[in-house]
C-alpha cells in the first residue's frame, strides 16, 4: 500500500487506548485460564 492510501485509511486503524483496554480486559475474563485469573498475592507484584 502506498503512502497516500495508508494516510487516507490510517484513521480506520486507530483506536483509543481506553477502548483497547476494555477489549483486552473482556478477553482476559473470557479466555484466560483459571490458574492465571485466581492467583494469590497478585496485589503484591511489582511491574
Protein backbone atom coordinates (compact mmCIF):
# COMPACT_ATOMS: atom_id res chain seq x y z
CA UNK A 1 0.00 0.00 0.00
CA UNK A 2 1.45 3.35 -0.94
CA UNK A 3 1.80 6.31 1.39
CA UNK A 4 -1.29 8.21 0.21
CA UNK A 5 -3.60 5.25 0.63
CA UNK A 6 -2.13 4.50 4.03
CA UNK A 7 -2.57 8.10 5.12
CA UNK A 8 -6.16 8.15 3.90
CA UNK A 9 -7.13 4.96 5.73
CA UNK A 10 -4.97 5.45 8.82
CA UNK A 11 -7.89 6.86 10.80
CA UNK A 12 -9.61 3.48 10.45
CA UNK A 13 -6.61 1.76 12.01
CA UNK A 14 -6.51 3.97 15.10
CA UNK A 15 -8.27 3.04 18.33
CA UNK A 16 -8.33 4.79 21.66
CA UNK A 17 -6.38 3.19 24.47
CA UNK A 18 -9.37 3.17 26.80
CA UNK A 19 -11.35 1.17 24.25
CA UNK A 20 -8.42 -1.18 23.70
CA UNK A 21 -8.04 -1.63 27.45
CA UNK A 22 -11.73 -2.52 27.76
CA UNK A 23 -11.45 -5.07 24.94
CA UNK A 24 -8.36 -6.68 26.47
CA UNK A 25 -9.98 -6.91 29.90
CA UNK A 26 -13.06 -8.60 28.49
CA UNK A 27 -10.94 -11.09 26.51
CA UNK A 28 -8.89 -11.79 29.65
CA UNK A 29 -12.05 -12.54 31.64
CA UNK A 30 -13.35 -14.82 28.90
CA UNK A 31 -10.27 -16.70 27.73
CA UNK A 32 -7.60 -16.65 30.46
CA UNK A 33 -7.20 -19.95 32.29
CA UNK A 34 -8.36 -20.11 35.90
CA UNK A 35 -4.80 -20.65 37.09
CA UNK A 36 -3.97 -17.15 35.83
CA UNK A 37 -7.18 -15.46 36.93
CA UNK A 38 -7.15 -16.74 40.50
CA UNK A 39 -3.52 -16.27 41.51
CA UNK A 40 -2.64 -15.46 45.10
CA UNK A 41 -0.74 -12.32 46.13
CA UNK A 42 -1.25 -10.54 42.83
CA UNK A 43 -1.69 -7.23 44.64
CA UNK A 44 1.90 -7.51 45.90
CA UNK A 45 3.51 -7.86 42.49
CA UNK A 46 5.65 -5.06 41.11
CA UNK A 47 5.87 -4.29 37.42
